[in-house]
Structure formats: C-alpha cells, structure tokens
Amino acid sequence: TMLTRKYGMSEAQAQAGEDNLGAQAAAE
C-alpha cells in the first residue's frame, strides 16, 4: 500500500519489486 501511494505504481508492480528484492536478498 505504501509503495502504490508513494510512487504511483500498481499493486502488481509493487509486488514484482518486492519479489525482485527477495531474490536479491536470497543471493546474499
């Protein structure tokens, strides 16, 4: 919710970003 309101992105875009961050974190 914070991401969609702050950056004007859709929920799908916000969730995709979180999924990408999860993958980056897992790599570390």
PDB file of all heavy atoms in Angstrom:
ATOM      1  N   THR A   1       0.835  -1.206   0.000  1.00  0.00           N
ATOM      2  CA  THR A   1       0.000   0.000   0.000  1.00  0.00           C
ATOM      3  C   THR A   1       0.865   1.250   0.000  1.00  0.00           C
ATOM      4  O   THR A   1       0.604   2.213  -0.737  1.00  0.00           O
ATOM      5  CB  THR A   1      -0.930   0.006   1.221  1.00  0.00           C
ATOM      6  OG1 THR A   1      -1.754  -1.166   1.198  1.00  0.00           O
ATOM      7  CG2 THR A   1      -1.804   1.250   1.236  1.00  0.00           C
ATOM      8  N   MET A   2       1.888   1.254   0.830  1.00  0.00           N
ATOM      9  CA  MET A   2       2.805   2.405   0.889  1.00  0.00           C
ATOM     10  C   MET A   2       3.451   2.653  -0.466  1.00  0.00           C
ATOM     11  O   MET A   2       3.527   3.793  -0.942  1.00  0.00           O
ATOM     12  CB  MET A   2       3.874   2.156   1.954  1.00  0.00           C
ATOM     13  CG  MET A   2       4.901   3.272   2.133  1.00  0.00           C
ATOM     14  SD  MET A   2       6.316   3.158   0.975  1.00  0.00           S
ATOM     15  CE  MET A   2       7.122   1.657   1.556  1.00  0.00           C
ATOM     16  N   LEU A   3       3.904   1.585  -1.127  1.00  0.00           N
ATOM     17  CA  LEU A   3       4.585   1.730  -2.415  1.00  0.00           C
ATOM     18  C   LEU A   3       3.640   2.267  -3.495  1.00  0.00           C
ATOM     19  O   LEU A   3       4.022   3.136  -4.284  1.00  0.00           O
ATOM     20  CB  LEU A   3       5.166   0.383  -2.849  1.00  0.00           C
ATOM     21  CG  LEU A   3       6.338  -0.141  -2.016  1.00  0.00           C
ATOM     22  CD1 LEU A   3       6.694  -1.567  -2.424  1.00  0.00           C
ATOM     23  CD2 LEU A   3       7.559   0.759  -2.154  1.00  0.00           C
ATOM     24  N   THR A   4       2.421   1.768  -3.518  1.00  0.00           N
ATOM     25  CA  THR A   4       1.485   2.231  -4.551  1.00  0.00           C
ATOM     26  C   THR A   4       1.125   3.703  -4.349  1.00  0.00           C
ATOM     27  O   THR A   4       1.006   4.455  -5.318  1.00  0.00           O
ATOM     28  CB  THR A   4       0.205   1.378  -4.550  1.00  0.00           C
ATOM     29  OG1 THR A   4      -0.407   1.432  -3.252  1.00  0.00           O
ATOM     30  CG2 THR A   4       0.516  -0.069  -4.903  1.00  0.00           C
ATOM     31  N   ARG A   5       0.986   4.123  -3.104  1.00  0.00           N
ATOM     32  CA  ARG A   5       0.615   5.515  -2.832  1.00  0.00           C
ATOM     33  C   ARG A   5       1.795   6.463  -3.013  1.00  0.00           C
ATOM     34  O   ARG A   5       1.635   7.574  -3.527  1.00  0.00           O
ATOM     35  CB  ARG A   5       0.056   5.623  -1.419  1.00  0.00           C
ATOM     36  CG  ARG A   5      -1.280   4.908  -1.246  1.00  0.00           C
ATOM     37  CD  ARG A   5      -1.799   5.028   0.178  1.00  0.00           C
ATOM     38  NE  ARG A   5      -3.097   4.355   0.332  1.00  0.00           N
ATOM     39  CZ  ARG A   5      -3.736   4.247   1.488  1.00  0.00           C
ATOM     40  NH1 ARG A   5      -3.211   4.767   2.589  1.00  0.00           N
ATOM     41  NH2 ARG A   5      -4.896   3.619   1.543  1.00  0.00           N
ATOM     42  N   LYS A   6       2.966   6.034  -2.588  1.00  0.00           N
ATOM     43  CA  LYS A   6       4.125   6.922  -2.634  1.00  0.00           C
ATOM     44  C   LYS A   6       4.678   7.079  -4.039  1.00  0.00           C
ATOM     45  O   LYS A   6       5.115   8.165  -4.442  1.00  0.00           O
ATOM     46  CB  LYS A   6       5.214   6.394  -1.697  1.00  0.00           C
ATOM     47  CG  LYS A   6       6.419   7.332  -1.551  1.00  0.00           C
ATOM     48  CD  LYS A   6       7.358   6.851  -0.469  1.00  0.00           C
ATOM     49  CE  LYS A   6       8.510   7.826  -0.262  1.00  0.00           C
ATOM     50  NZ  LYS A   6       9.413   7.398   0.830  1.00  0.00           N
ATOM     51  N   TYR A   7       4.668   5.986  -4.807  1.00  0.00           N
ATOM     52  CA  TYR A   7       5.308   6.015  -6.124  1.00  0.00           C
ATOM     53  C   TYR A   7       4.327   5.929  -7.278  1.00  0.00           C
ATOM     54  O   TYR A   7       4.735   5.943  -8.447  1.00  0.00           O
ATOM     55  CB  TYR A   7       6.328   4.875  -6.231  1.00  0.00           C
ATOM     56  CG  TYR A   7       7.416   4.976  -5.190  1.00  0.00           C
ATOM     57  CD1 TYR A   7       7.451   4.105  -4.105  1.00  0.00           C
ATOM     58  CD2 TYR A   7       8.414   5.959  -5.277  1.00  0.00           C
ATOM     59  CE1 TYR A   7       8.444   4.197  -3.138  1.00  0.00           C
ATOM     60  CE2 TYR A   7       9.405   6.063  -4.319  1.00  0.00           C
ATOM     61  CZ  TYR A   7       9.414   5.179  -3.252  1.00  0.00           C
ATOM     62  OH  TYR A   7      10.399   5.290  -2.296  1.00  0.00           O
ATOM     63  N   GLY A   8       3.037   5.816  -6.980  1.00  0.00           N
ATOM     64  CA  GLY A   8       2.034   5.786  -8.034  1.00  0.00           C
ATOM     65  C   GLY A   8       2.075   4.543  -8.899  1.00  0.00           C
ATOM     66  O   GLY A   8       1.605   4.563 -10.040  1.00  0.00           O
ATOM     67  N   MET A   9       2.602   3.468  -8.377  1.00  0.00           N
ATOM     68  CA  MET A   9       2.670   2.219  -9.148  1.00  0.00           C
ATOM     69  C   MET A   9       1.460   1.344  -8.826  1.00  0.00           C
ATOM     70  O   MET A   9       0.749   1.569  -7.838  1.00  0.00           O
ATOM     71  CB  MET A   9       3.967   1.462  -8.839  1.00  0.00           C
ATOM     72  CG  MET A   9       4.164   1.107  -7.375  1.00  0.00           C
ATOM     73  SD  MET A   9       5.687   0.155  -7.059  1.00  0.00           S
ATOM     74  CE  MET A   9       6.956   1.332  -7.512  1.00  0.00           C
ATOM     75  N   SER A  10       1.248   0.355  -9.665  1.00  0.00           N
ATOM     76  CA  SER A  10       0.155  -0.577  -9.413  1.00  0.00           C
ATOM     77  C   SER A  10       0.585  -1.590  -8.346  1.00  0.00           C
ATOM     78  O   SER A  10       1.772  -1.734  -8.048  1.00  0.00           O
ATOM     79  CB  SER A  10      -0.202  -1.322 -10.705  1.00  0.00           C
ATOM     80  OG  SER A  10       0.868  -2.184 -11.085  1.00  0.00           O
ATOM     81  N   GLU A  11      -0.406  -2.305  -7.796  1.00  0.00           N
ATOM     82  CA  GLU A  11      -0.069  -3.334  -6.812  1.00  0.00           C
ATOM     83  C   GLU A  11       0.799  -4.416  -7.445  1.00  0.00           C
ATOM     84  O   GLU A  11       1.701  -4.950  -6.799  1.00  0.00           O
ATOM     85  CB  GLU A  11      -1.342  -3.941  -6.231  1.00  0.00           C
ATOM     86  CG  GLU A  11      -2.067  -3.029  -5.269  1.00  0.00           C
ATOM     87  CD  GLU A  11      -3.145  -3.749  -4.484  1.00  0.00           C
ATOM     88  OE1 GLU A  11      -3.203  -4.999  -4.573  1.00  0.00           O
ATOM     89  OE2 GLU A  11      -3.922  -3.081  -3.785  1.00  0.00           O
ATOM     90  N   ALA A  12       0.526  -4.738  -8.698  1.00  0.00           N
ATOM     91  CA  ALA A  12       1.322  -5.765  -9.378  1.00  0.00           C
ATOM     92  C   ALA A  12       2.771  -5.316  -9.529  1.00  0.00           C
ATOM     93  O   ALA A  12       3.700  -6.114  -9.343  1.00  0.00           O
ATOM     94  CB  ALA A  12       0.713  -6.063 -10.753  1.00  0.00           C
ATOM     95  N   GLN A  13       2.967  -4.050  -9.870  1.00  0.00           N
ATOM     96  CA  GLN A  13       4.322  -3.527  -9.988  1.00  0.00           C
ATOM     97  C   GLN A  13       5.033  -3.520  -8.634  1.00  0.00           C
ATOM     98  O   GLN A  13       6.214  -3.879  -8.540  1.00  0.00           O
ATOM     99  CB  GLN A  13       4.290  -2.114 -10.559  1.00  0.00           C
ATOM    100  CG  GLN A  13       3.904  -2.026 -12.025  1.00  0.00           C
ATOM    101  CD  GLN A  13       3.702  -0.592 -12.475  1.00  0.00           C
ATOM    102  OE1 GLN A  13       3.143   0.238 -11.741  1.00  0.00           O
ATOM    103  NE2 GLN A  13       4.157  -0.283 -13.683  1.00  0.00           N
ATOM    104  N   ALA A  14       4.308  -3.112  -7.594  1.00  0.00           N
ATOM    105  CA  ALA A  14       4.895  -3.089  -6.260  1.00  0.00           C
ATOM    106  C   ALA A  14       5.278  -4.490  -5.803  1.00  0.00           C
ATOM    107  O   ALA A  14       6.359  -4.700  -5.235  1.00  0.00           O
ATOM    108  CB  ALA A  14       3.913  -2.464  -5.267  1.00  0.00           C
ATOM    109  N   GLN A  15       4.417  -5.459  -6.083  1.00  0.00           N
ATOM    110  CA  GLN A  15       4.718  -6.831  -5.674  1.00  0.00           C
ATOM    111  C   GLN A  15       5.882  -7.408  -6.467  1.00  0.00           C
ATOM    112  O   GLN A  15       6.713  -8.147  -5.931  1.00  0.00           O
ATOM    113  CB  GLN A  15       3.478  -7.719  -5.839  1.00  0.00           C
ATOM    114  CG  GLN A  15       3.636  -9.104  -5.226  1.00  0.00           C
ATOM    115  CD  GLN A  15       3.963  -9.043  -3.751  1.00  0.00           C
ATOM    116  OE1 GLN A  15       3.155  -8.575  -2.944  1.00  0.00           O
ATOM    117  NE2 GLN A  15       5.155  -9.502  -3.381  1.00  0.00           N
ATOM    118  N   ALA A  16       5.959  -7.045  -7.743  1.00  0.00           N
ATOM    119  CA  ALA A  16       7.090  -7.509  -8.561  1.00  0.00           C
ATOM    120  C   ALA A  16       8.400  -6.965  -8.002  1.00  0.00           C
ATOM    121  O   ALA A  16       9.423  -7.658  -7.985  1.00  0.00           O
ATOM    122  CB  ALA A  16       6.905  -7.067 -10.010  1.00  0.00           C
ATOM    123  N   GLY A  17       8.375  -5.718  -7.548  1.00  0.00           N
ATOM    124  CA  GLY A  17       9.562  -5.134  -6.946  1.00  0.00           C
ATOM    125  C   GLY A  17       9.968  -5.862  -5.678  1.00  0.00           C
ATOM    126  O   GLY A  17      11.161  -6.106  -5.433  1.00  0.00           O
ATOM    127  N   GLU A  18       8.976  -6.215  -4.864  1.00  0.00           N
ATOM    128  CA  GLU A  18       9.272  -6.969  -3.642  1.00  0.00           C
ATOM    129  C   GLU A  18       9.832  -8.356  -3.971  1.00  0.00           C
ATOM    130  O   GLU A  18      10.748  -8.848  -3.305  1.00  0.00           O
ATOM    131  CB  GLU A  18       8.002  -7.104  -2.797  1.00  0.00           C
ATOM    132  CG  GLU A  18       7.658  -5.867  -2.008  1.00  0.00           C
ATOM    133  CD  GLU A  18       8.671  -5.597  -0.915  1.00  0.00           C
ATOM    134  OE1 GLU A  18       8.681  -6.304   0.106  1.00  0.00           O
ATOM    135  OE2 GLU A  18       9.504  -4.675  -1.092  1.00  0.00           O
ATOM    136  N   ASP A  19       9.302  -8.985  -4.988  1.00  0.00           N
ATOM    137  CA  ASP A  19       9.806 -10.299  -5.392  1.00  0.00           C
ATOM    138  C   ASP A  19      11.257 -10.202  -5.861  1.00  0.00           C
ATOM    139  O   ASP A  19      12.074 -11.080  -5.563  1.00  0.00           O
ATOM    140  CB  ASP A  19       8.931 -10.887  -6.504  1.00  0.00           C
ATOM    141  CG  ASP A  19       7.540 -11.272  -6.012  1.00  0.00           C
ATOM    142  OD1 ASP A  19       7.370 -11.448  -4.789  1.00  0.00           O
ATOM    143  OD2 ASP A  19       6.628 -11.387  -6.859  1.00  0.00           O
ATOM    144  N   ASN A  20      11.567  -9.131  -6.590  1.00  0.00           N
ATOM    145  CA  ASN A  20      12.934  -8.933  -7.038  1.00  0.00           C
ATOM    146  C   ASN A  20      13.870  -8.718  -5.849  1.00  0.00           C
ATOM    147  O   ASN A  20      14.975  -9.268  -5.793  1.00  0.00           O
ATOM    148  CB  ASN A  20      13.016  -7.730  -7.975  1.00  0.00           C
ATOM    149  CG  ASN A  20      14.451  -7.408  -8.364  1.00  0.00           C
ATOM    150  OD1 ASN A  20      15.159  -8.221  -8.936  1.00  0.00           O
ATOM    151  ND2 ASN A  20      14.905  -6.204  -8.039  1.00  0.00           N
ATOM    152  N   LEU A  21      13.429  -7.922  -4.881  1.00  0.00           N
ATOM    153  CA  LEU A  21      14.232  -7.700  -3.691  1.00  0.00           C
ATOM    154  C   LEU A  21      14.432  -9.001  -2.917  1.00  0.00           C
ATOM    155  O   LEU A  21      15.522  -9.255  -2.375  1.00  0.00           O
ATOM    156  CB  LEU A  21      13.560  -6.656  -2.796  1.00  0.00           C
ATOM    157  CG  LEU A  21      13.808  -5.208  -3.195  1.00  0.00           C
ATOM    158  CD1 LEU A  21      12.780  -4.289  -2.560  1.00  0.00           C
ATOM    159  CD2 LEU A  21      15.218  -4.792  -2.789  1.00  0.00           C
ATOM    160  N   GLY A  22      13.411  -9.832  -2.872  1.00  0.00           N
ATOM    161  CA  GLY A  22      13.545 -11.124  -2.208  1.00  0.00           C
ATOM    162  C   GLY A  22      14.611 -11.983  -2.854  1.00  0.00           C
ATOM    163  O   GLY A  22      15.388 -12.654  -2.171  1.00  0.00           O
ATOM    164  N   ALA A  23      14.664 -11.938  -4.173  1.00  0.00           N
ATOM    165  CA  ALA A  23      15.688 -12.714  -4.892  1.00  0.00           C
ATOM    166  C   ALA A  23      17.082 -12.151  -4.645  1.00  0.00           C
ATOM    167  O   ALA A  23      18.052 -12.905  -4.472  1.00  0.00           O
ATOM    168  CB  ALA A  23      15.369 -12.713  -6.390  1.00  0.00           C
ATOM    169  N   GLN A  24      17.190 -10.832  -4.620  1.00  0.00           N
ATOM    170  CA  GLN A  24      18.485 -10.200  -4.349  1.00  0.00           C
ATOM    171  C   GLN A  24      18.964 -10.543  -2.939  1.00  0.00           C
ATOM    172  O   GLN A  24      20.143 -10.803  -2.704  1.00  0.00           O
ATOM    173  CB  GLN A  24      18.360  -8.681  -4.500  1.00  0.00           C
ATOM    174  CG  GLN A  24      17.981  -8.201  -5.882  1.00  0.00           C
ATOM    175  CD  GLN A  24      19.186  -8.029  -6.795  1.00  0.00           C
ATOM    176  OE1 GLN A  24      20.321  -8.148  -6.362  1.00  0.00           O
ATOM    177  NE2 GLN A  24      18.936  -7.753  -8.047  1.00  0.00           N
ATOM    178  N   ALA A  25      18.044 -10.510  -1.987  1.00  0.00           N
ATOM    179  CA  ALA A  25      18.397 -10.844  -0.613  1.00  0.00           C
ATOM    180  C   ALA A  25      18.827 -12.307  -0.494  1.00  0.00           C
ATOM    181  O   ALA A  25      19.825 -12.629   0.167  1.00  0.00           O
ATOM    182  CB  ALA A  25      17.211 -10.564   0.312  1.00  0.00           C
ATOM    183  N   ALA A  26      18.082 -13.183  -1.145  1.00  0.00           N
ATOM    184  CA  ALA A  26      18.411 -14.610  -1.081  1.00  0.00           C
ATOM    185  C   ALA A  26      19.795 -14.886  -1.639  1.00  0.00           C
ATOM    186  O   ALA A  26      20.525 -15.751  -1.135  1.00  0.00           O
ATOM    187  CB  ALA A  26      17.353 -15.412  -1.849  1.00  0.00           C
ATOM    188  N   ALA A  27      20.188 -14.132  -2.664  1.00  0.00           N
ATOM    189  CA  ALA A  27      21.519 -14.311  -3.255  1.00  0.00           C
ATOM    190  C   ALA A  27      22.625 -13.962  -2.266  1.00  0.00           C
ATOM    191  O   ALA A  27      23.764 -14.419  -2.409  1.00  0.00           O
ATOM    192  CB  ALA A  27      21.650 -13.455  -4.508  1.00  0.00           C
ATOM    193  N   GLU A  28      22.291 -13.151  -1.255  1.00  0.00           N
ATOM    194  CA  GLU A  28      23.267 -12.785  -0.223  1.00  0.00           C
ATOM    195  C   GLU A  28      23.098 -13.626   1.044  1.00  0.00           C
ATOM    196  O   GLU A  28      23.707 -13.341   2.072  1.00  0.00           O
ATOM    197  CB  GLU A  28      23.128 -11.300   0.132  1.00  0.00           C
ATOM    198  CG  GLU A  28      23.269 -10.352  -1.041  1.00  0.00           C
ATOM    199  CD  GLU A  28      24.597 -10.491  -1.765  1.00  0.00           C
ATOM    200  OE1 GLU A  28      25.593 -10.845  -1.101  1.00  0.00           O
ATOM    201  OE2 GLU A  28      24.633 -10.255  -2.988  1.00  0.00           O
TER     202      GLU A  28
END
